[in-house]
Amino acid sequence: MTESHNQFEHITGFKADAIGQPGERRFRLLVEAVDGRTAVLWLEKEQLLNLAVTLKRLMAVEEGAAEELGTETSGMATMPEPTAPDFDFQIGRMGVQYNDQQGEVVITAYSVESPEDSDLPDLSLLTDRAMANTFANDAIKLCAAGRPLCPLCGAPMGPEQHICPMHNGHGHLD
């Protein structure tokens, strides 16, 4: 496993979550380790989507991984929100490593306050392939559940009337 300031080896819970209404949501990762430590890691929607896509690509690269993943990991969807997390920080950058021999995924997270040249992550998580795959599926659904996109310009449409630039400001879409 990658050396870090804090290591969550063999996590038991790993969940993507959003707080707020679409268009004003804040995204976070909820993590629980075997030893009971918890973390709330805040990140941007794009970071969450990139993490999920990266994990899905790693799973797809492993030939036959779809058969080996099996069913969803138990308890992930019902993971309680940490009341007093041991770690709570905004993610600046992340890294993902995959050990195909052991079927383990290591996710490293660097705080926005970490220096750019720091090689030592603030937190590293070790999970199995099945939990990483389930997390990625849930995270993609969470990111897609936001505001609908305009079919013409692709911009998010909110509760207010959308003035589409593809209609040169003259057409309104509901």
N, C-alpha and C. Protein backbone atom coordinates (compact mmCIF):
# COMPACT_ATOMS: atom_id res chain seq x y z
N MET A 1 0.85 -1.18 0.00
CA MET A 1 0.00 0.00 0.00
C MET A 1 0.88 1.23 0.00
N THR A 2 0.41 2.29 -0.62
CA THR A 2 1.13 3.55 -0.69
C THR A 2 1.29 4.15 0.70
N GLU A 3 2.47 4.62 1.00
CA GLU A 3 2.74 5.29 2.27
C GLU A 3 1.98 6.61 2.30
N SER A 4 1.34 6.92 3.43
CA SER A 4 0.61 8.18 3.56
C SER A 4 0.61 8.62 5.02
N HIS A 5 0.13 9.84 5.25
CA HIS A 5 0.01 10.34 6.62
C HIS A 5 -0.96 9.46 7.41
N ASN A 6 -2.05 9.06 6.77
CA ASN A 6 -3.08 8.25 7.40
C ASN A 6 -3.51 7.17 6.42
N GLN A 7 -3.56 5.93 6.90
CA GLN A 7 -3.93 4.82 6.04
C GLN A 7 -5.19 4.16 6.54
N PHE A 8 -6.15 3.99 5.65
CA PHE A 8 -7.36 3.23 5.93
C PHE A 8 -7.21 1.92 5.16
N GLU A 9 -6.64 0.93 5.82
CA GLU A 9 -6.48 -0.35 5.15
C GLU A 9 -7.77 -1.14 5.27
N HIS A 10 -8.14 -1.78 4.18
CA HIS A 10 -9.33 -2.63 4.12
C HIS A 10 -10.56 -1.92 4.68
N ILE A 11 -11.03 -0.94 3.94
CA ILE A 11 -12.20 -0.19 4.36
C ILE A 11 -13.45 -1.06 4.28
N THR A 12 -14.41 -0.78 5.17
CA THR A 12 -15.66 -1.53 5.20
C THR A 12 -16.81 -0.75 4.59
N GLY A 13 -16.64 0.55 4.43
CA GLY A 13 -17.67 1.39 3.84
C GLY A 13 -17.04 2.46 2.98
N PHE A 14 -17.65 2.68 1.81
CA PHE A 14 -17.11 3.64 0.85
C PHE A 14 -18.28 4.12 0.02
N LYS A 15 -18.69 5.36 0.23
CA LYS A 15 -19.92 5.84 -0.38
C LYS A 15 -19.77 7.28 -0.87
N ALA A 16 -20.34 7.55 -2.06
CA ALA A 16 -20.41 8.91 -2.58
C ALA A 16 -21.72 9.52 -2.10
N ASP A 17 -21.69 10.80 -1.75
CA ASP A 17 -22.87 11.47 -1.23
C ASP A 17 -22.89 12.90 -1.72
N ALA A 18 -24.10 13.46 -1.78
CA ALA A 18 -24.27 14.86 -2.16
C ALA A 18 -25.23 15.51 -1.17
N ILE A 19 -24.93 16.75 -0.84
CA ILE A 19 -25.77 17.53 0.07
C ILE A 19 -26.28 18.74 -0.68
N GLY A 20 -27.58 19.01 -0.58
CA GLY A 20 -28.15 20.19 -1.20
C GLY A 20 -28.99 19.85 -2.42
N GLN A 21 -29.51 20.90 -3.03
CA GLN A 21 -30.36 20.76 -4.21
C GLN A 21 -29.51 20.75 -5.47
N PRO A 22 -29.97 20.06 -6.53
CA PRO A 22 -29.22 20.08 -7.79
C PRO A 22 -28.91 21.51 -8.22
N GLY A 23 -27.67 21.71 -8.62
CA GLY A 23 -27.19 23.03 -8.99
C GLY A 23 -26.47 23.72 -7.85
N GLU A 24 -26.71 23.25 -6.63
CA GLU A 24 -26.07 23.83 -5.45
C GLU A 24 -25.55 22.73 -4.53
N ARG A 25 -25.32 21.56 -5.07
CA ARG A 25 -24.89 20.42 -4.26
C ARG A 25 -23.40 20.48 -3.94
N ARG A 26 -23.06 19.91 -2.79
CA ARG A 26 -21.67 19.69 -2.40
C ARG A 26 -21.48 18.18 -2.34
N PHE A 27 -20.38 17.71 -2.90
CA PHE A 27 -20.13 16.28 -2.99
C PHE A 27 -19.08 15.86 -1.99
N ARG A 28 -19.21 14.61 -1.52
CA ARG A 28 -18.27 14.10 -0.54
C ARG A 28 -18.18 12.58 -0.63
N LEU A 29 -17.07 12.07 -0.11
CA LEU A 29 -16.88 10.63 0.03
C LEU A 29 -16.98 10.32 1.51
N LEU A 30 -17.75 9.31 1.85
CA LEU A 30 -17.84 8.83 3.22
C LEU A 30 -17.09 7.51 3.28
N VAL A 31 -16.15 7.42 4.21
CA VAL A 31 -15.28 6.24 4.28
C VAL A 31 -15.26 5.74 5.72
N GLU A 32 -15.30 4.40 5.84
CA GLU A 32 -15.20 3.78 7.16
C GLU A 32 -14.17 2.64 7.08
N ALA A 33 -13.23 2.65 8.00
CA ALA A 33 -12.18 1.62 8.03
C ALA A 33 -12.59 0.48 8.95
N VAL A 34 -11.89 -0.64 8.83
CA VAL A 34 -12.16 -1.81 9.65
C VAL A 34 -12.03 -1.47 11.13
N ASP A 35 -11.07 -0.62 11.47
CA ASP A 35 -10.83 -0.28 12.88
C ASP A 35 -11.80 0.75 13.43
N GLY A 36 -12.80 1.16 12.63
CA GLY A 36 -13.83 2.09 13.10
C GLY A 36 -13.56 3.55 12.80
N ARG A 37 -12.37 3.87 12.29
CA ARG A 37 -12.09 5.26 11.93
C ARG A 37 -12.93 5.65 10.72
N THR A 38 -13.31 6.92 10.65
CA THR A 38 -14.13 7.41 9.55
C THR A 38 -13.51 8.67 8.95
N ALA A 39 -13.91 8.95 7.71
CA ALA A 39 -13.44 10.15 7.03
C ALA A 39 -14.55 10.70 6.16
N VAL A 40 -14.61 12.01 6.09
CA VAL A 40 -15.49 12.72 5.17
C VAL A 40 -14.57 13.55 4.29
N LEU A 41 -14.54 13.21 3.02
CA LEU A 41 -13.65 13.87 2.07
C LEU A 41 -14.49 14.65 1.07
N TRP A 42 -14.36 15.95 1.07
CA TRP A 42 -15.14 16.82 0.19
C TRP A 42 -14.43 16.95 -1.15
N LEU A 43 -15.20 16.96 -2.24
CA LEU A 43 -14.62 17.09 -3.57
C LEU A 43 -15.62 17.69 -4.53
N GLU A 44 -15.12 18.11 -5.68
CA GLU A 44 -15.96 18.68 -6.73
C GLU A 44 -16.65 17.55 -7.49
N LYS A 45 -17.77 17.88 -8.13
CA LYS A 45 -18.51 16.89 -8.90
C LYS A 45 -17.63 16.28 -9.99
N GLU A 46 -16.82 17.10 -10.64
CA GLU A 46 -15.94 16.61 -11.70
C GLU A 46 -14.91 15.62 -11.15
N GLN A 47 -14.41 15.89 -9.94
CA GLN A 47 -13.45 14.98 -9.32
C GLN A 47 -14.12 13.63 -9.02
N LEU A 48 -15.34 13.68 -8.51
CA LEU A 48 -16.07 12.45 -8.21
C LEU A 48 -16.34 11.65 -9.48
N LEU A 49 -16.79 12.33 -10.52
CA LEU A 49 -17.06 11.64 -11.78
C LEU A 49 -15.78 11.06 -12.37
N ASN A 50 -14.68 11.81 -12.34
CA ASN A 50 -13.40 11.30 -12.84
C ASN A 50 -12.92 10.08 -12.05
N LEU A 51 -13.10 10.10 -10.73
CA LEU A 51 -12.73 8.96 -9.91
C LEU A 51 -13.56 7.74 -10.30
N ALA A 52 -14.86 7.92 -10.45
CA ALA A 52 -15.74 6.81 -10.81
C ALA A 52 -15.39 6.23 -12.18
N VAL A 53 -15.15 7.10 -13.15
CA VAL A 53 -14.80 6.64 -14.51
C VAL A 53 -13.45 5.92 -14.49
N THR A 54 -12.49 6.44 -13.74
CA THR A 54 -11.18 5.79 -13.63
C THR A 54 -11.33 4.39 -13.03
N LEU A 55 -12.12 4.27 -11.98
CA LEU A 55 -12.33 2.96 -11.36
C LEU A 55 -13.01 2.00 -12.34
N LYS A 56 -14.01 2.47 -13.08
CA LYS A 56 -14.69 1.62 -14.06
C LYS A 56 -13.73 1.17 -15.15
N ARG A 57 -12.85 2.05 -15.59
CA ARG A 57 -11.87 1.68 -16.61
C ARG A 57 -10.90 0.64 -16.08
N LEU A 58 -10.47 0.79 -14.84
CA LEU A 58 -9.59 -0.21 -14.24
C LEU A 58 -10.27 -1.57 -14.18
N MET A 59 -11.54 -1.58 -13.85
CA MET A 59 -12.28 -2.83 -13.77
C MET A 59 -12.45 -3.45 -15.16
N ALA A 60 -12.63 -2.62 -16.17
CA ALA A 60 -12.83 -3.11 -17.53
C ALA A 60 -11.54 -3.67 -18.12
N VAL A 61 -10.41 -3.11 -17.72
CA VAL A 61 -9.12 -3.57 -18.24
C VAL A 61 -8.85 -5.01 -17.79
N GLU A 62 -9.23 -5.31 -16.57
CA GLU A 62 -9.03 -6.66 -16.05
C GLU A 62 -10.01 -7.59 -16.75
N GLU A 63 -9.48 -8.45 -17.62
CA GLU A 63 -10.32 -9.35 -18.39
C GLU A 63 -11.02 -10.32 -17.45
N GLY A 64 -12.33 -10.46 -17.67
CA GLY A 64 -13.11 -11.37 -16.85
C GLY A 64 -13.48 -10.80 -15.50
N ALA A 65 -13.14 -9.54 -15.24
CA ALA A 65 -13.42 -8.95 -13.93
C ALA A 65 -14.92 -8.86 -13.66
N ALA A 66 -15.71 -8.72 -14.71
CA ALA A 66 -17.15 -8.59 -14.52
C ALA A 66 -17.72 -9.83 -13.85
N GLU A 67 -17.22 -11.02 -14.19
CA GLU A 67 -17.72 -12.24 -13.57
C GLU A 67 -17.25 -12.35 -12.13
N GLU A 68 -16.04 -11.87 -11.85
CA GLU A 68 -15.47 -11.99 -10.53
C GLU A 68 -16.03 -10.99 -9.54
N LEU A 69 -16.63 -9.89 -10.04
CA LEU A 69 -17.10 -8.84 -9.13
C LEU A 69 -18.27 -9.30 -8.29
N GLY A 70 -19.10 -10.15 -8.83
CA GLY A 70 -20.22 -10.68 -8.07
C GLY A 70 -21.25 -9.62 -7.77
N THR A 71 -21.93 -9.79 -6.64
CA THR A 71 -23.00 -8.87 -6.27
C THR A 71 -22.43 -7.70 -5.49
N GLU A 72 -23.31 -6.75 -5.20
CA GLU A 72 -22.87 -5.56 -4.47
C GLU A 72 -22.37 -5.92 -3.08
N THR A 73 -21.45 -5.13 -2.59
CA THR A 73 -20.92 -5.34 -1.25
C THR A 73 -21.99 -4.97 -0.25
N SER A 74 -22.20 -5.80 0.74
CA SER A 74 -23.28 -5.58 1.70
C SER A 74 -23.02 -4.35 2.55
N GLY A 75 -24.10 -3.62 2.86
CA GLY A 75 -24.03 -2.50 3.78
C GLY A 75 -23.54 -1.19 3.20
N MET A 76 -23.14 -1.17 1.95
CA MET A 76 -22.60 0.08 1.42
C MET A 76 -23.67 1.14 1.24
N ALA A 77 -24.84 0.76 0.74
CA ALA A 77 -25.89 1.74 0.50
C ALA A 77 -26.46 2.27 1.81
N THR A 78 -26.33 1.50 2.90
CA THR A 78 -26.90 1.91 4.17
C THR A 78 -25.83 2.42 5.14
N MET A 79 -24.66 2.70 4.64
CA MET A 79 -23.58 3.18 5.50
C MET A 79 -24.01 4.45 6.22
N PRO A 80 -23.96 4.47 7.55
CA PRO A 80 -24.39 5.67 8.27
C PRO A 80 -23.41 6.82 8.07
N GLU A 81 -23.94 8.02 8.19
CA GLU A 81 -23.08 9.20 8.08
C GLU A 81 -22.24 9.33 9.34
N PRO A 82 -20.93 9.53 9.18
CA PRO A 82 -20.08 9.68 10.37
C PRO A 82 -20.48 10.92 11.17
N THR A 83 -20.69 10.77 12.46
CA THR A 83 -21.08 11.91 13.29
C THR A 83 -19.87 12.75 13.70
N ALA A 84 -18.77 12.10 13.99
CA ALA A 84 -17.53 12.81 14.35
C ALA A 84 -16.38 12.14 13.60
N PRO A 85 -16.22 12.49 12.31
CA PRO A 85 -15.19 11.81 11.52
C PRO A 85 -13.79 12.11 12.03
N ASP A 86 -12.92 11.12 11.88
CA ASP A 86 -11.53 11.29 12.27
C ASP A 86 -10.80 12.22 11.31
N PHE A 87 -11.23 12.23 10.05
CA PHE A 87 -10.63 13.09 9.03
C PHE A 87 -11.75 13.77 8.26
N ASP A 88 -11.60 15.07 8.03
CA ASP A 88 -12.61 15.85 7.31
C ASP A 88 -11.84 16.95 6.57
N PHE A 89 -11.68 16.79 5.24
CA PHE A 89 -10.96 17.80 4.48
C PHE A 89 -11.41 17.83 3.04
N GLN A 90 -11.09 18.94 2.39
CA GLN A 90 -11.37 19.16 0.97
C GLN A 90 -10.25 18.54 0.15
N ILE A 91 -10.60 17.68 -0.81
CA ILE A 91 -9.60 17.04 -1.66
C ILE A 91 -9.12 18.02 -2.73
N GLY A 92 -7.81 18.11 -2.87
CA GLY A 92 -7.21 18.91 -3.92
C GLY A 92 -6.89 18.05 -5.13
N ARG A 93 -6.27 16.90 -4.88
CA ARG A 93 -5.94 15.97 -5.97
C ARG A 93 -6.00 14.55 -5.43
N MET A 94 -6.12 13.60 -6.38
CA MET A 94 -6.27 12.20 -6.02
C MET A 94 -5.40 11.33 -6.91
N GLY A 95 -5.18 10.12 -6.47
CA GLY A 95 -4.47 9.13 -7.27
C GLY A 95 -5.13 7.78 -7.07
N VAL A 96 -5.01 6.91 -8.08
CA VAL A 96 -5.58 5.57 -8.01
C VAL A 96 -4.52 4.58 -8.48
N GLN A 97 -4.35 3.51 -7.71
CA GLN A 97 -3.45 2.42 -8.08
C GLN A 97 -4.23 1.12 -7.99
N TYR A 98 -3.89 0.18 -8.86
CA TYR A 98 -4.60 -1.09 -8.89
C TYR A 98 -3.62 -2.25 -8.87
N ASN A 99 -3.82 -3.19 -7.95
CA ASN A 99 -3.01 -4.39 -7.86
C ASN A 99 -3.88 -5.54 -8.36
N ASP A 100 -3.68 -5.94 -9.64
CA ASP A 100 -4.55 -6.96 -10.22
C ASP A 100 -4.32 -8.34 -9.64
N GLN A 101 -3.14 -8.62 -9.09
CA GLN A 101 -2.87 -9.93 -8.50
C GLN A 101 -3.69 -10.15 -7.24
N GLN A 102 -3.84 -9.10 -6.44
CA GLN A 102 -4.60 -9.21 -5.20
C GLN A 102 -6.02 -8.66 -5.35
N GLY A 103 -6.32 -8.02 -6.48
CA GLY A 103 -7.65 -7.46 -6.69
C GLY A 103 -7.95 -6.29 -5.78
N GLU A 104 -6.94 -5.49 -5.46
CA GLU A 104 -7.11 -4.37 -4.55
C GLU A 104 -6.89 -3.05 -5.26
N VAL A 105 -7.64 -2.05 -4.82
CA VAL A 105 -7.53 -0.70 -5.35
C VAL A 105 -7.09 0.21 -4.21
N VAL A 106 -6.09 1.03 -4.48
CA VAL A 106 -5.62 2.02 -3.51
C VAL A 106 -5.95 3.40 -4.05
N ILE A 107 -6.68 4.17 -3.26
CA ILE A 107 -7.04 5.53 -3.63
C ILE A 107 -6.33 6.46 -2.66
N THR A 108 -5.58 7.40 -3.20
CA THR A 108 -4.87 8.37 -2.36
C THR A 108 -5.50 9.74 -2.53
N ALA A 109 -5.60 10.47 -1.43
CA ALA A 109 -6.21 11.79 -1.45
C ALA A 109 -5.27 12.80 -0.80
N TYR A 110 -5.11 13.92 -1.49
CA TYR A 110 -4.28 15.03 -1.00
C TYR A 110 -5.21 16.20 -0.69
N SER A 111 -5.03 16.79 0.45
CA SER A 111 -5.81 17.95 0.84
C SER A 111 -5.46 19.16 -0.04
N VAL A 112 -6.40 20.09 -0.17
CA VAL A 112 -6.11 21.31 -0.93
C VAL A 112 -5.01 22.11 -0.27
N GLU A 113 -4.79 21.88 1.02
CA GLU A 113 -3.76 22.60 1.76
C GLU A 113 -2.38 21.93 1.65
N SER A 114 -2.31 20.74 1.05
CA SER A 114 -1.02 20.06 0.87
C SER A 114 -0.22 20.75 -0.22
N PRO A 115 1.08 20.87 -0.03
CA PRO A 115 1.89 21.48 -1.09
C PRO A 115 1.85 20.62 -2.36
N GLU A 116 1.93 21.27 -3.51
CA GLU A 116 1.87 20.57 -4.79
C GLU A 116 2.99 19.56 -4.97
N ASP A 117 4.14 19.83 -4.38
CA ASP A 117 5.28 18.92 -4.55
C ASP A 117 5.30 17.80 -3.51
N SER A 118 4.27 17.71 -2.67
CA SER A 118 4.22 16.67 -1.65
C SER A 118 3.92 15.32 -2.29
N ASP A 119 4.77 14.33 -1.99
CA ASP A 119 4.56 12.97 -2.49
C ASP A 119 3.78 12.12 -1.50
N LEU A 120 3.60 12.61 -0.29
CA LEU A 120 2.94 11.86 0.76
C LEU A 120 1.48 12.29 0.87
N PRO A 121 0.53 11.41 0.48
CA PRO A 121 -0.88 11.79 0.54
C PRO A 121 -1.36 11.97 1.98
N ASP A 122 -2.42 12.73 2.13
CA ASP A 122 -3.00 12.93 3.46
C ASP A 122 -3.78 11.71 3.92
N LEU A 123 -4.32 10.95 2.97
CA LEU A 123 -5.10 9.76 3.31
C LEU A 123 -5.02 8.76 2.17
N SER A 124 -4.88 7.48 2.49
CA SER A 124 -4.94 6.44 1.47
C SER A 124 -5.94 5.38 1.92
N LEU A 125 -6.70 4.88 0.95
CA LEU A 125 -7.75 3.90 1.19
C LEU A 125 -7.46 2.63 0.43
N LEU A 126 -7.65 1.49 1.04
CA LEU A 126 -7.46 0.20 0.37
C LEU A 126 -8.81 -0.50 0.33
N THR A 127 -9.26 -0.83 -0.88
CA THR A 127 -10.54 -1.49 -1.04
C THR A 127 -10.41 -2.64 -2.03
N ASP A 128 -11.38 -3.52 -2.02
CA ASP A 128 -11.36 -4.61 -2.99
C ASP A 128 -12.06 -4.19 -4.27
N ARG A 129 -11.93 -5.02 -5.28
CA ARG A 129 -12.46 -4.71 -6.60
C ARG A 129 -13.99 -4.58 -6.59
N ALA A 130 -14.68 -5.44 -5.85
CA ALA A 130 -16.14 -5.40 -5.81
C ALA A 130 -16.65 -4.10 -5.20
N MET A 131 -16.03 -3.66 -4.09
CA MET A 131 -16.47 -2.43 -3.44
C MET A 131 -16.17 -1.22 -4.33
N ALA A 132 -15.02 -1.23 -5.00
CA ALA A 132 -14.66 -0.13 -5.89
C ALA A 132 -15.63 -0.05 -7.06
N ASN A 133 -16.02 -1.19 -7.60
CA ASN A 133 -16.97 -1.22 -8.71
C ASN A 133 -18.34 -0.71 -8.29
N THR A 134 -18.82 -1.16 -7.13
CA THR A 134 -20.12 -0.70 -6.63
C THR A 134 -20.09 0.80 -6.35
N PHE A 135 -19.00 1.27 -5.74
CA PHE A 135 -18.85 2.70 -5.49
C PHE A 135 -18.92 3.48 -6.80
N ALA A 136 -18.18 3.02 -7.81
CA ALA A 136 -18.14 3.72 -9.10
C ALA A 136 -19.53 3.79 -9.73
N ASN A 137 -20.27 2.69 -9.69
CA ASN A 137 -21.64 2.69 -10.24
C ASN A 137 -22.53 3.70 -9.52
N ASP A 138 -22.46 3.71 -8.18
CA ASP A 138 -23.27 4.64 -7.39
C ASP A 138 -22.86 6.09 -7.63
N ALA A 139 -21.57 6.34 -7.74
CA ALA A 139 -21.07 7.70 -7.95
C ALA A 139 -21.50 8.24 -9.31
N ILE A 140 -21.48 7.40 -10.34
CA ILE A 140 -21.92 7.83 -11.67
C ILE A 140 -23.40 8.18 -11.64
N LYS A 141 -24.20 7.37 -10.96
CA LYS A 141 -25.64 7.67 -10.83
C LYS A 141 -25.86 8.97 -10.08
N LEU A 142 -25.09 9.19 -9.02
CA LEU A 142 -25.22 10.41 -8.22
C LEU A 142 -24.89 11.64 -9.06
N CYS A 143 -23.83 11.57 -9.84
CA CYS A 143 -23.44 12.71 -10.68
C CYS A 143 -24.47 12.97 -11.77
N ALA A 144 -25.08 11.92 -12.31
CA ALA A 144 -26.07 12.07 -13.37
C ALA A 144 -27.43 12.54 -12.86
N ALA A 145 -27.63 12.50 -11.56
CA ALA A 145 -28.93 12.85 -10.98
C ALA A 145 -29.10 14.34 -10.74
N GLY A 146 -28.26 15.15 -11.31
CA GLY A 146 -28.35 16.60 -11.13
C GLY A 146 -29.38 17.23 -12.04
N ARG A 147 -29.17 18.48 -12.34
CA ARG A 147 -30.09 19.20 -13.20
C ARG A 147 -30.08 18.60 -14.61
N PRO A 148 -31.23 18.61 -15.28
CA PRO A 148 -31.25 18.10 -16.67
C PRO A 148 -30.47 19.05 -17.58
N LEU A 149 -29.93 18.49 -18.66
CA LEU A 149 -29.17 19.28 -19.62
C LEU A 149 -30.05 19.69 -20.79
N CYS A 150 -29.81 20.88 -21.30
CA CYS A 150 -30.52 21.38 -22.47
C CYS A 150 -30.16 20.47 -23.65
N PRO A 151 -31.15 20.00 -24.40
CA PRO A 151 -30.86 19.11 -25.53
C PRO A 151 -30.14 19.83 -26.68
N LEU A 152 -30.18 21.15 -26.70
CA LEU A 152 -29.55 21.89 -27.79
C LEU A 152 -28.14 22.36 -27.47
N CYS A 153 -27.96 22.98 -26.30
CA CYS A 153 -26.64 23.55 -25.98
C CYS A 153 -25.87 22.74 -24.94
N GLY A 154 -26.54 21.84 -24.22
CA GLY A 154 -25.87 21.01 -23.23
C GLY A 154 -25.67 21.68 -21.88
N ALA A 155 -26.13 22.90 -21.71
CA ALA A 155 -25.99 23.60 -20.43
C ALA A 155 -27.03 23.08 -19.44
N PRO A 156 -26.70 23.10 -18.15
CA PRO A 156 -27.69 22.67 -17.15
C PRO A 156 -28.89 23.60 -17.13
N MET A 157 -30.06 23.00 -16.98
CA MET A 157 -31.30 23.80 -16.91
C MET A 157 -31.82 23.73 -15.48
N GLY A 158 -32.08 24.88 -14.90
CA GLY A 158 -32.58 24.96 -13.53
C GLY A 158 -34.07 25.20 -13.52
N PRO A 159 -34.61 25.56 -12.34
CA PRO A 159 -36.05 25.82 -12.23
C PRO A 159 -36.47 27.08 -12.99
N GLU A 160 -35.53 28.01 -13.16
CA GLU A 160 -35.85 29.22 -13.92
C GLU A 160 -35.86 28.88 -15.41
N GLN A 161 -36.49 29.74 -16.19
CA GLN A 161 -36.59 29.51 -17.63
C GLN A 161 -35.20 29.55 -18.28
N HIS A 162 -34.92 28.57 -19.13
CA HIS A 162 -33.62 28.46 -19.78
C HIS A 162 -33.63 29.23 -21.10
N ILE A 163 -32.71 30.17 -21.23
CA ILE A 163 -32.55 30.90 -22.48
C ILE A 163 -31.38 30.27 -23.21
N CYS A 164 -31.70 29.53 -24.26
CA CYS A 164 -30.70 28.74 -24.96
C CYS A 164 -29.95 29.59 -25.97
N PRO A 165 -28.60 29.61 -25.91
CA PRO A 165 -27.84 30.38 -26.88
C PRO A 165 -27.97 29.83 -28.30
N MET A 166 -28.36 28.58 -28.43
CA MET A 166 -28.55 27.98 -29.76
C MET A 166 -29.76 28.57 -30.48
N HIS A 167 -30.65 29.19 -29.71
CA HIS A 167 -31.79 29.89 -30.27
C HIS A 167 -31.51 31.38 -30.36
N ASN A 168 -30.27 31.76 -30.20
CA ASN A 168 -29.84 33.15 -30.29
C ASN A 168 -30.57 34.05 -29.30
N GLY A 169 -30.93 33.47 -28.14
CA GLY A 169 -31.59 34.24 -27.09
C GLY A 169 -33.06 34.47 -27.32
N HIS A 170 -33.61 33.97 -28.41
CA HIS A 170 -35.03 34.22 -28.70
C HIS A 170 -35.92 33.08 -28.28
N GLY A 171 -35.39 31.89 -28.20
CA GLY A 171 -36.20 30.74 -27.82
C GLY A 171 -36.04 30.41 -26.35
N HIS A 172 -37.10 30.01 -25.71
CA HIS A 172 -37.07 29.62 -24.30
C HIS A 172 -37.46 28.16 -24.21
N LEU A 173 -36.67 27.42 -23.47
CA LEU A 173 -36.98 26.01 -23.24
C LEU A 173 -37.42 25.82 -21.82
N ASP A 174 -38.41 24.99 -21.60
CA ASP A 174 -38.86 24.70 -20.24
C ASP A 174 -38.32 23.38 -19.77
